[in-house]
PDB file of N, CA and C in Angstrom:
ATOM      1  N   MET A   1     118.267  15.692  16.144  1.00  0.00           N
ATOM      2  CA  MET A   1     116.833  15.395  16.061  1.00  0.00           C
ATOM      3  C   MET A   1     116.411  14.549  17.147  1.00  0.00           C
ATOM      4  N   MET A   2     117.114  13.464  17.543  1.00  0.00           N
ATOM      5  CA  MET A   2     116.808  12.610  18.620  1.00  0.00           C
ATOM      6  C   MET A   2     116.920  13.379  19.895  1.00  0.00           C
ATOM      7  N   ASN A   3     117.967  14.173  20.002  1.00  0.00           N
ATOM      8  CA  ASN A   3     118.169  15.027  21.219  1.00  0.00           C
ATOM      9  C   ASN A   3     117.016  15.971  21.417  1.00  0.00           C
ATOM     10  N   GLU A   4     116.460  16.614  20.370  1.00  0.00           N
ATOM     11  CA  GLU A   4     115.368  17.572  20.500  1.00  0.00           C
ATOM     12  C   GLU A   4     114.106  16.806  20.995  1.00  0.00           C
ATOM     13  N   LYS A   5     113.884  15.590  20.481  1.00  0.00           N
ATOM     14  CA  LYS A   5     112.724  14.861  20.908  1.00  0.00           C
ATOM     15  C   LYS A   5     112.844  14.500  22.431  1.00  0.00           C
ATOM     16  N   LEU A   6     114.057  14.131  22.815  1.00  0.00           N
ATOM     17  CA  LEU A   6     114.284  13.825  24.235  1.00  0.00           C
ATOM     18  C   LEU A   6     114.072  15.055  25.107  1.00  0.00           C
ATOM     19  N   GLU A   7     114.566  16.179  24.697  1.00  0.00           N
ATOM     20  CA  GLU A   7     114.339  17.451  25.449  1.00  0.00           C
ATOM     21  C   GLU A   7     112.907  17.791  25.540  1.00  0.00           C
ATOM     22  N   LYS A   8     112.173  17.547  24.427  1.00  0.00           N
ATOM     23  CA  LYS A   8     110.753  17.948  24.413  1.00  0.00           C
ATOM     24  C   LYS A   8     109.996  16.991  25.366  1.00  0.00           C
ATOM     25  N   LEU A   9     110.326  15.674  25.324  1.00  0.00           N
ATOM     26  CA  LEU A   9     109.665  14.763  26.225  1.00  0.00           C
ATOM     27  C   LEU A   9     109.999  15.077  27.700  1.00  0.00           C
ATOM     28  N   ASN A  10     111.227  15.446  27.973  1.00  0.00           N
ATOM     29  CA  ASN A  10     111.604  15.881  29.313  1.00  0.00           C
ATOM     30  C   ASN A  10     110.874  17.118  29.803  1.00  0.00           C
ATOM     31  N   ARG A  11     110.660  18.065  28.909  1.00  0.00           N
ATOM     32  CA  ARG A  11     109.896  19.293  29.273  1.00  0.00           C
ATOM     33  C   ARG A  11     108.431  18.899  29.562  1.00  0.00           C
ATOM     34  N   GLN A  12     107.907  18.016  28.694  1.00  0.00           N
ATOM     35  CA  GLN A  12     106.501  17.617  28.871  1.00  0.00           C
ATOM     36  C   GLN A  12     106.411  16.829  30.202  1.00  0.00           C
ATOM     37  N   LEU A  13     107.380  16.021  30.513  1.00  0.00           N
ATOM     38  CA  LEU A  13     107.373  15.241  31.792  1.00  0.00           C
ATOM     39  C   LEU A  13     107.379  16.262  32.976  1.00  0.00           C
ATOM     40  N   ALA A  14     108.307  17.226  32.844  1.00  0.00           N
ATOM     41  CA  ALA A  14     108.378  18.236  33.987  1.00  0.00           C
ATOM     42  C   ALA A  14     107.113  19.010  34.144  1.00  0.00           C
ATOM     43  N   GLN A  15     106.476  19.374  32.968  1.00  0.00           N
ATOM     44  CA  GLN A  15     105.181  20.133  33.096  1.00  0.00           C
ATOM     45  C   GLN A  15     104.087  19.204  33.673  1.00  0.00           C
ATOM     46  N   GLY A  16     104.103  17.966  33.267  1.00  0.00           N
ATOM     47  CA  GLY A  16     103.130  17.036  33.840  1.00  0.00           C
ATOM     48  C   GLY A  16     103.270  16.846  35.334  1.00  0.00           C
ATOM     49  N   GLU A  17     104.566  16.701  35.803  1.00  0.00           N
ATOM     50  CA  GLU A  17     104.823  16.638  37.181  1.00  0.00           C
ATOM     51  C   GLU A  17     104.396  17.866  37.889  1.00  0.00           C
ATOM     52  N   ALA A  18     104.636  19.011  37.354  1.00  0.00           N
ATOM     53  CA  ALA A  18     104.268  20.317  37.970  1.00  0.00           C
ATOM     54  C   ALA A  18     102.715  20.339  38.143  1.00  0.00           C
ATOM     55  N   ARG A  19     101.945  19.927  37.062  1.00  0.00           N
ATOM     56  CA  ARG A  19     100.500  19.935  37.103  1.00  0.00           C
ATOM     57  C   ARG A  19     100.022  18.990  38.209  1.00  0.00           C
ATOM     58  N   LEU A  20     100.683  17.821  38.333  1.00  0.00           N
ATOM     59  CA  LEU A  20     100.345  16.818  39.338  1.00  0.00           C
ATOM     60  C   LEU A  20     100.540  17.420  40.675  1.00  0.00           C
ATOM     61  N   ARG A  21     101.617  18.086  40.968  1.00  0.00           N
ATOM     62  CA  ARG A  21     101.879  18.661  42.308  1.00  0.00           C
ATOM     63  C   ARG A  21     100.830  19.703  42.574  1.00  0.00           C
ATOM     64  N   ARG A  22     100.439  20.591  41.580  1.00  0.00           N
ATOM     65  CA  ARG A  22      99.436  21.619  41.767  1.00  0.00           C
ATOM     66  C   ARG A  22      98.115  20.927  42.152  1.00  0.00           C
ATOM     67  N   ALA A  23      97.761  19.849  41.395  1.00  0.00           N
ATOM     68  CA  ALA A  23      96.527  19.160  41.669  1.00  0.00           C
ATOM     69  C   ALA A  23      96.492  18.608  43.041  1.00  0.00           C
ATOM     70  N   GLN A  24      97.598  17.978  43.427  1.00  0.00           N
ATOM     71  CA  GLN A  24      97.688  17.344  44.789  1.00  0.00           C
ATOM     72  C   GLN A  24      97.545  18.420  45.861  1.00  0.00           C
ATOM     73  N   HIS A  25      98.172  19.591  45.634  1.00  0.00           N
ATOM     74  CA  HIS A  25      98.054  20.691  46.594  1.00  0.00           C
ATOM     75  C   HIS A  25      96.569  21.119  46.652  1.00  0.00           C
ATOM     76  N   GLU A  26      95.949  21.329  45.521  1.00  0.00           N
ATOM     77  CA  GLU A  26      94.586  21.717  45.481  1.00  0.00           C
ATOM     78  C   GLU A  26      93.664  20.647  46.210  1.00  0.00           C
ATOM     79  N   GLU A  27      93.999  19.407  46.050  1.00  0.00           N
ATOM     80  CA  GLU A  27      93.200  18.295  46.709  1.00  0.00           C
ATOM     81  C   GLU A  27      93.304  18.507  48.254  1.00  0.00           C
ATOM     82  N   LYS A  28      94.551  18.770  48.678  1.00  0.00           N
ATOM     83  CA  LYS A  28      94.728  18.966  50.143  1.00  0.00           C
ATOM     84  C   LYS A  28      93.928  20.165  50.662  1.00  0.00           C
ATOM     85  N   ILE A  29      93.918  21.267  49.896  1.00  0.00           N
ATOM     86  CA  ILE A  29      93.170  22.429  50.259  1.00  0.00           C
ATOM     87  C   ILE A  29      91.686  22.140  50.357  1.00  0.00           C
ATOM     88  N   LEU A  30      91.152  21.453  49.355  1.00  0.00           N
ATOM     89  CA  LEU A  30      89.801  21.128  49.318  1.00  0.00           C
ATOM     90  C   LEU A  30      89.370  20.151  50.489  1.00  0.00           C
ATOM     91  N   ALA A  31      90.210  19.206  50.768  1.00  0.00           N
ATOM     92  CA  ALA A  31      89.930  18.241  51.821  1.00  0.00           C
ATOM     93  C   ALA A  31      89.903  19.001  53.180  1.00  0.00           C
ATOM     94  N   HIS A  32      90.769  19.980  53.374  1.00  0.00           N
ATOM     95  CA  HIS A  32      90.834  20.775  54.608  1.00  0.00           C
ATOM     96  C   HIS A  32      89.532  21.641  54.679  1.00  0.00           C
ATOM     97  N   GLN A  33      89.105  22.179  53.573  1.00  0.00           N
ATOM     98  CA  GLN A  33      87.919  23.003  53.572  1.00  0.00           C
ATOM     99  C   GLN A  33      86.700  22.148  53.919  1.00  0.00           C
ATOM    100  N   MET A  34      86.644  20.917  53.360  1.00  0.00           N
ATOM    101  CA  MET A  34      85.523  20.047  53.679  1.00  0.00           C
ATOM    102  C   MET A  34      85.523  19.698  55.181  1.00  0.00           C
ATOM    103  N   LYS A  35      86.696  19.441  55.738  1.00  0.00           N
ATOM    104  CA  LYS A  35      86.767  19.087  57.139  1.00  0.00           C
ATOM    105  C   LYS A  35      86.320  20.233  57.963  1.00  0.00           C
ATOM    106  N   GLN A  36      86.691  21.504  57.615  1.00  0.00           N
ATOM    107  CA  GLN A  36      86.222  22.685  58.403  1.00  0.00           C
ATOM    108  C   GLN A  36      84.711  22.868  58.282  1.00  0.00           C
ATOM    109  N   LEU A  37      84.157  22.639  57.087  1.00  0.00           N
ATOM    110  CA  LEU A  37      82.713  22.840  56.947  1.00  0.00           C
ATOM    111  C   LEU A  37      81.956  21.779  57.782  1.00  0.00           C
ATOM    112  N   THR A  38      82.487  20.591  57.764  1.00  0.00           N
ATOM    113  CA  THR A  38      81.880  19.475  58.603  1.00  0.00           C
ATOM    114  C   THR A  38      81.892  19.867  60.068  1.00  0.00           C
ATOM    115  N   ARG A  39      83.052  20.337  60.547  1.00  0.00           N
ATOM    116  CA  ARG A  39      83.199  20.774  61.886  1.00  0.00           C
ATOM    117  C   ARG A  39      82.250  21.879  62.234  1.00  0.00           C
ATOM    118  N   LYS A  40      82.125  22.921  61.396  1.00  0.00           N
ATOM    119  CA  LYS A  40      81.181  23.989  61.594  1.00  0.00           C
ATOM    120  C   LYS A  40      79.763  23.525  61.709  1.00  0.00           C
ATOM    121  N   GLU A  41      79.338  22.588  60.795  1.00  0.00           N
ATOM    122  CA  GLU A  41      78.052  22.065  60.817  1.00  0.00           C
ATOM    123  C   GLU A  41      77.783  21.358  62.123  1.00  0.00           C
ATOM    124  N   ARG A  42      78.744  20.592  62.589  1.00  0.00           N
ATOM    125  CA  ARG A  42      78.483  19.818  63.824  1.00  0.00           C
ATOM    126  C   ARG A  42      78.404  20.806  64.986  1.00  0.00           C
ATOM    127  N   THR A  43      79.291  21.775  65.035  1.00  0.00           N
ATOM    128  CA  THR A  43      79.234  22.756  66.117  1.00  0.00           C
ATOM    129  C   THR A  43      77.856  23.501  66.138  1.00  0.00           C
ATOM    130  N   HIS A  44      77.364  23.881  65.011  1.00  0.00           N
ATOM    131  CA  HIS A  44      76.130  24.546  64.913  1.00  0.00           C
ATOM    132  C   HIS A  44      74.972  23.555  65.401  1.00  0.00           C
ATOM    133  N   ARG A  45      75.055  22.324  64.981  1.00  0.00           N
ATOM    134  CA  ARG A  45      74.055  21.326  65.366  1.00  0.00           C
ATOM    135  C   ARG A  45      74.038  21.146  66.889  1.00  0.00           C
ATOM    136  N   LEU A  46      75.239  20.964  67.491  1.00  0.00           N
ATOM    137  CA  LEU A  46      75.405  20.820  68.915  1.00  0.00           C
ATOM    138  C   LEU A  46      74.829  22.014  69.691  1.00  0.00           C
ATOM    139  N   CYS A  47      75.182  23.189  69.217  1.00  0.00           N
ATOM    140  CA  CYS A  47      74.631  24.413  69.882  1.00  0.00           C
ATOM    141  C   CYS A  47      73.092  24.523  69.765  1.00  0.00           C
ATOM    142  N   THR A  48      72.630  24.253  68.604  1.00  0.00           N
ATOM    143  CA  THR A  48      71.171  24.295  68.372  1.00  0.00           C
ATOM    144  C   THR A  48      70.392  23.279  69.241  1.00  0.00           C
ATOM    145  N   ARG A  49      70.915  22.093  69.239  1.00  0.00           N
ATOM    146  CA  ARG A  49      70.280  20.991  69.998  1.00  0.00           C
ATOM    147  C   ARG A  49      70.439  21.202  71.539  1.00  0.00           C
ATOM    148  N   GLY A  50      71.602  21.701  71.929  1.00  0.00           N
ATOM    149  CA  GLY A  50      71.745  22.044  73.265  1.00  0.00           C
ATOM    150  C   GLY A  50      70.793  23.085  73.798  1.00  0.00           C
ATOM    151  N   ALA A  51      70.540  24.049  72.965  1.00  0.00           N
ATOM    152  CA  ALA A  51      69.539  25.077  73.240  1.00  0.00           C
ATOM    153  C   ALA A  51      68.185  24.502  73.390  1.00  0.00           C
ATOM    154  N   MET A  52      67.836  23.549  72.432  1.00  0.00           N
ATOM    155  CA  MET A  52      66.571  22.905  72.528  1.00  0.00           C
ATOM    156  C   MET A  52      66.411  22.182  73.825  1.00  0.00           C
ATOM    157  N   LEU A  53      67.404  21.409  74.205  1.00  0.00           N
ATOM    158  CA  LEU A  53      67.383  20.649  75.501  1.00  0.00           C
ATOM    159  C   LEU A  53      67.192  21.630  76.662  1.00  0.00           C
ATOM    160  N   GLU A  54      67.929  22.711  76.684  1.00  0.00           N
ATOM    161  CA  GLU A  54      67.858  23.609  77.817  1.00  0.00           C
ATOM    162  C   GLU A  54      66.440  24.231  77.875  1.00  0.00           C
ATOM    163  N   SER A  55      65.756  24.389  76.780  1.00  0.00           N
ATOM    164  CA  SER A  55      64.450  24.987  76.788  1.00  0.00           C
ATOM    165  C   SER A  55      63.411  24.121  77.582  1.00  0.00           C
ATOM    166  N   PHE A  56      63.762  22.806  77.720  1.00  0.00           N
ATOM    167  CA  PHE A  56      62.878  21.930  78.469  1.00  0.00           C
ATOM    168  C   PHE A  56      63.247  21.729  79.952  1.00  0.00           C
ATOM    169  N   LEU A  57      64.455  22.199  80.258  1.00  0.00           N
ATOM    170  CA  LEU A  57      64.968  22.068  81.692  1.00  0.00           C
ATOM    171  C   LEU A  57      64.562  23.273  82.565  1.00  0.00           C
ATOM    172  N   ILE A  58      64.248  22.943  83.762  1.00  0.00           N
ATOM    173  CA  ILE A  58      63.932  24.021  84.735  1.00  0.00           C
ATOM    174  C   ILE A  58      65.242  24.432  85.376  1.00  0.00           C
ATOM    175  N   ARG A  59      65.599  25.693  85.214  1.00  0.00           N
ATOM    176  CA  ARG A  59      66.845  26.266  85.768  1.00  0.00           C
ATOM    177  C   ARG A  59      68.030  25.487  85.341  1.00  0.00           C
ATOM    178  N   PRO A  60      68.330  25.393  84.081  1.00  0.00           N
ATOM    179  CA  PRO A  60      69.444  24.537  83.588  1.00  0.00           C
ATOM    180  C   PRO A  60      70.777  25.023  84.099  1.00  0.00           C
ATOM    181  N   GLU A  61      70.886  26.290  84.498  1.00  0.00           N
ATOM    182  CA  GLU A  61      72.189  26.767  85.020  1.00  0.00           C
ATOM    183  C   GLU A  61      72.639  26.139  86.292  1.00  0.00           C
ATOM    184  N   VAL A  62      71.627  25.608  87.026  1.00  0.00           N
ATOM    185  CA  VAL A  62      72.038  24.997  88.307  1.00  0.00           C
ATOM    186  C   VAL A  62      72.289  23.451  88.226  1.00  0.00           C
ATOM    187  N   LEU A  63      71.940  22.923  87.017  1.00  0.00           N
ATOM    188  CA  LEU A  63      72.119  21.457  86.865  1.00  0.00           C
ATOM    189  C   LEU A  63      73.551  21.198  86.355  1.00  0.00           C
ATOM    190  N   THR A  64      74.154  20.094  86.830  1.00  0.00           N
ATOM    191  CA  THR A  64      75.459  19.663  86.331  1.00  0.00           C
ATOM    192  C   THR A  64      75.312  18.927  85.068  1.00  0.00           C
ATOM    193  N   ASP A  65      76.421  18.649  84.397  1.00  0.00           N
ATOM    194  CA  ASP A  65      76.391  17.729  83.259  1.00  0.00           C
ATOM    195  C   ASP A  65      75.883  16.382  83.645  1.00  0.00           C
ATOM    196  N   ASP A  66      76.336  15.942  84.772  1.00  0.00           N
ATOM    197  CA  ASP A  66      75.910  14.588  85.249  1.00  0.00           C
ATOM    198  C   ASP A  66      74.394  14.569  85.491  1.00  0.00           C
ATOM    199  N   ASP A  67      73.797  15.670  85.991  1.00  0.00           N
ATOM    200  CA  ASP A  67      72.405  15.769  86.283  1.00  0.00           C
ATOM    201  C   ASP A  67      71.695  15.642  84.912  1.00  0.00           C
ATOM    202  N   VAL A  68      72.115  16.392  83.914  1.00  0.00           N
ATOM    203  CA  VAL A  68      71.490  16.358  82.613  1.00  0.00           C
ATOM    204  C   VAL A  68      71.617  14.968  81.972  1.00  0.00           C
ATOM    205  N   MET A  69      72.783  14.345  82.117  1.00  0.00           N
ATOM    206  CA  MET A  69      72.998  12.962  81.572  1.00  0.00           C
ATOM    207  C   MET A  69      71.957  12.036  82.235  1.00  0.00           C
ATOM    208  N   ASP A  70      71.811  12.184  83.577  1.00  0.00           N
ATOM    209  CA  ASP A  70      70.858  11.309  84.301  1.00  0.00           C
ATOM    210  C   ASP A  70      69.439  11.489  83.745  1.00  0.00           C
ATOM    211  N   ILE A  71      69.078  12.786  83.530  1.00  0.00           N
ATOM    212  CA  ILE A  71      67.736  13.102  83.012  1.00  0.00           C
ATOM    213  C   ILE A  71      67.523  12.450  81.665  1.00  0.00           C
ATOM    214  N   LEU A  72      68.530  12.606  80.793  1.00  0.00           N
ATOM    215  CA  LEU A  72      68.426  12.049  79.450  1.00  0.00           C
ATOM    216  C   LEU A  72      68.352  10.553  79.447  1.00  0.00           C
ATOM    217  N   LYS A  73      69.199   9.928  80.258  1.00  0.00           N
ATOM    218  CA  LYS A  73      69.165   8.472  80.382  1.00  0.00           C
ATOM    219  C   LYS A  73      67.730   8.029  80.854  1.00  0.00           C
ATOM    220  N   GLN A  74      67.189   8.668  81.803  1.00  0.00           N
ATOM    221  CA  GLN A  74      65.860   8.322  82.266  1.00  0.00           C
ATOM    222  C   GLN A  74      64.806   8.514  81.226  1.00  0.00           C
ATOM    223  N   ALA A  75      64.960   9.645  80.545  1.00  0.00           N
ATOM    224  CA  ALA A  75      63.925  10.008  79.456  1.00  0.00           C
ATOM    225  C   ALA A  75      64.000   8.949  78.335  1.00  0.00           C
ATOM    226  N   PHE A  76      65.265   8.627  77.953  1.00  0.00           N
ATOM    227  CA  PHE A  76      65.352   7.714  76.859  1.00  0.00           C
ATOM    228  C   PHE A  76      65.201   6.292  77.192  1.00  0.00           C
ATOM    229  N   SER A  77      65.052   5.979  78.468  1.00  0.00           N
ATOM    230  CA  SER A  77      64.812   4.582  78.813  1.00  0.00           C
ATOM    231  C   SER A  77      63.311   4.334  78.898  1.00  0.00           C
ATOM    232  N   GLN A  78      62.480   5.399  78.786  1.00  0.00           N
ATOM    233  CA  GLN A  78      61.026   5.235  78.850  1.00  0.00           C
ATOM    234  C   GLN A  78      60.628   4.323  77.675  1.00  0.00           C
ATOM    235  N   THR A  79      59.567   3.563  77.982  1.00  0.00           N
ATOM    236  CA  THR A  79      58.988   2.686  77.031  1.00  0.00           C
ATOM    237  C   THR A  79      58.608   3.376  75.682  1.00  0.00           C
ATOM    238  N   GLY A  80      59.101   2.864  74.618  1.00  0.00           N
ATOM    239  CA  GLY A  80      58.736   3.433  73.384  1.00  0.00           C
ATOM    240  C   GLY A  80      59.626   4.502  72.809  1.00  0.00           C
ATOM    241  N   ILE A  81      60.472   5.122  73.634  1.00  0.00           N
ATOM    242  CA  ILE A  81      61.271   6.254  73.177  1.00  0.00           C
ATOM    243  C   ILE A  81      62.362   5.785  72.209  1.00  0.00           C
ATOM    244  N   LYS A  82      62.993   4.707  72.471  1.00  0.00           N
ATOM    245  CA  LYS A  82      64.054   4.156  71.619  1.00  0.00           C
ATOM    246  C   LYS A  82      63.491   3.794  70.269  1.00  0.00           C
ATOM    247  N   GLU A  83      62.280   3.187  70.345  1.00  0.00           N
ATOM    248  CA  GLU A  83      61.587   2.825  68.985  1.00  0.00           C
ATOM    249  C   GLU A  83      61.162   4.084  68.296  1.00  0.00           C
ATOM    250  N   THR A  84      60.759   5.112  69.001  1.00  0.00           N
ATOM    251  CA  THR A  84      60.305   6.362  68.305  1.00  0.00           C
ATOM    252  C   THR A  84      61.544   7.005  67.660  1.00  0.00           C
ATOM    253  N   VAL A  85      62.665   6.971  68.340  1.00  0.00           N
ATOM    254  CA  VAL A  85      63.892   7.589  67.793  1.00  0.00           C
ATOM    255  C   VAL A  85      64.358   6.817  66.543  1.00  0.00           C
ATOM    256  N   ALA A  86      64.368   5.472  66.721  1.00  0.00           N
ATOM    257  CA  ALA A  86      64.781   4.633  65.596  1.00  0.00           C
ATOM    258  C   ALA A  86      63.864   4.757  64.334  1.00  0.00           C
ATOM    259  N   GLU A  87      62.559   4.925  64.609  1.00  0.00           N
ATOM    260  CA  GLU A  87      61.661   5.110  63.538  1.00  0.00           C
ATOM    261  C   GLU A  87      61.814   6.481  62.838  1.00  0.00           C
ATOM    262  N   SER A  88      62.106   7.482  63.685  1.00  0.00           N
ATOM    263  CA  SER A  88      62.336   8.842  63.104  1.00  0.00           C
ATOM    264  C   SER A  88      63.614   8.801  62.246  1.00  0.00           C
ATOM    265  N   VAL A  89      64.609   8.170  62.705  1.00  0.00           N
ATOM    266  CA  VAL A  89      65.868   8.082  61.890  1.00  0.00           C
ATOM    267  C   VAL A  89      65.616   7.322  60.628  1.00  0.00           C
ATOM    268  N   LYS A  90      64.882   6.221  60.708  1.00  0.00           N
ATOM    269  CA  LYS A  90      64.574   5.377  59.577  1.00  0.00           C
ATOM    270  C   LYS A  90      63.807   6.142  58.487  1.00  0.00           C
ATOM    271  N   ARG A  91      62.745   6.906  58.923  1.00  0.00           N
ATOM    272  CA  ARG A  91      61.995   7.682  58.064  1.00  0.00           C
ATOM    273  C   ARG A  91      62.769   8.861  57.452  1.00  0.00           C
ATOM    274  N   ARG A  92      63.619   9.440  58.239  1.00  0.00           N
ATOM    275  CA  ARG A  92      64.382  10.571  57.732  1.00  0.00           C
ATOM    276  C   ARG A  92      65.448  10.137  56.705  1.00  0.00           C
ATOM    277  N   VAL A  93      66.058   8.974  56.938  1.00  0.00           N
ATOM    278  CA  VAL A  93      67.005   8.406  56.013  1.00  0.00           C
ATOM    279  C   VAL A  93      66.281   8.046  54.721  1.00  0.00           C
ATOM    280  N   ALA A  94      65.023   7.587  54.783  1.00  0.00           N
ATOM    281  CA  ALA A  94      64.275   7.182  53.598  1.00  0.00           C
ATOM    282  C   ALA A  94      63.725   8.429  52.932  1.00  0.00           C
ATOM    283  N   GLY A  95      63.846   9.585  53.476  1.00  0.00           N
ATOM    284  CA  GLY A  95      63.434  10.861  52.845  1.00  0.00           C
ATOM    285  C   GLY A  95      61.980  11.160  53.149  1.00  0.00           C
ATOM    286  N   GLU A  96      61.397  10.510  54.089  1.00  0.00           N
ATOM    287  CA  GLU A  96      60.007  10.800  54.457  1.00  0.00           C
ATOM    288  C   GLU A  96      59.971  11.885  55.442  1.00  0.00           C
ATOM    289  N   PRO A  97      58.818  12.712  55.482  1.00  0.00           N
ATOM    290  CA  PRO A  97      58.687  13.740  56.460  1.00  0.00           C
ATOM    291  C   PRO A  97      58.444  13.011  57.881  1.00  0.00           C
ATOM    292  N   LEU A  98      58.887  13.612  58.872  1.00  0.00           N
ATOM    293  CA  LEU A  98      58.725  13.090  60.232  1.00  0.00           C
ATOM    294  C   LEU A  98      57.351  13.349  60.856  1.00  0.00           C
ATOM    295  N   THR A  99      56.659  14.401  60.326  1.00  0.00           N
ATOM    296  CA  THR A  99      55.343  14.741  60.807  1.00  0.00           C
ATOM    297  C   THR A  99      54.349  14.435  59.698  1.00  0.00           C
ATOM    298  N   GLU A 100      53.112  14.207  60.143  1.00  0.00           N
ATOM    299  CA  GLU A 100      52.111  13.820  59.085  1.00  0.00           C
ATOM    300  C   GLU A 100      50.981  14.907  59.110  1.00  0.00           C
TER     301      GLU A 100
END
């Protein structure tokens, strides 16, 4: 009788450990999927915004990365731009529309 209870508890323990291993494996799979989705979203955002930037440049194919960085530094150092960007971020985080 005592031996049967011990065997039953050992089986339940083994089943519980197996469920735990499956759950841990599933957790790793889901974490990997989330990481891939985040990476894909970032890649899409970078491509989209890079295309937006290029639409404002004259002959972007002849400009170097350093040229574009210099242009952006100069553009973003203009009076009011940093404040405008900060305000846009603040409003977007608050859930408000950026245009009125």
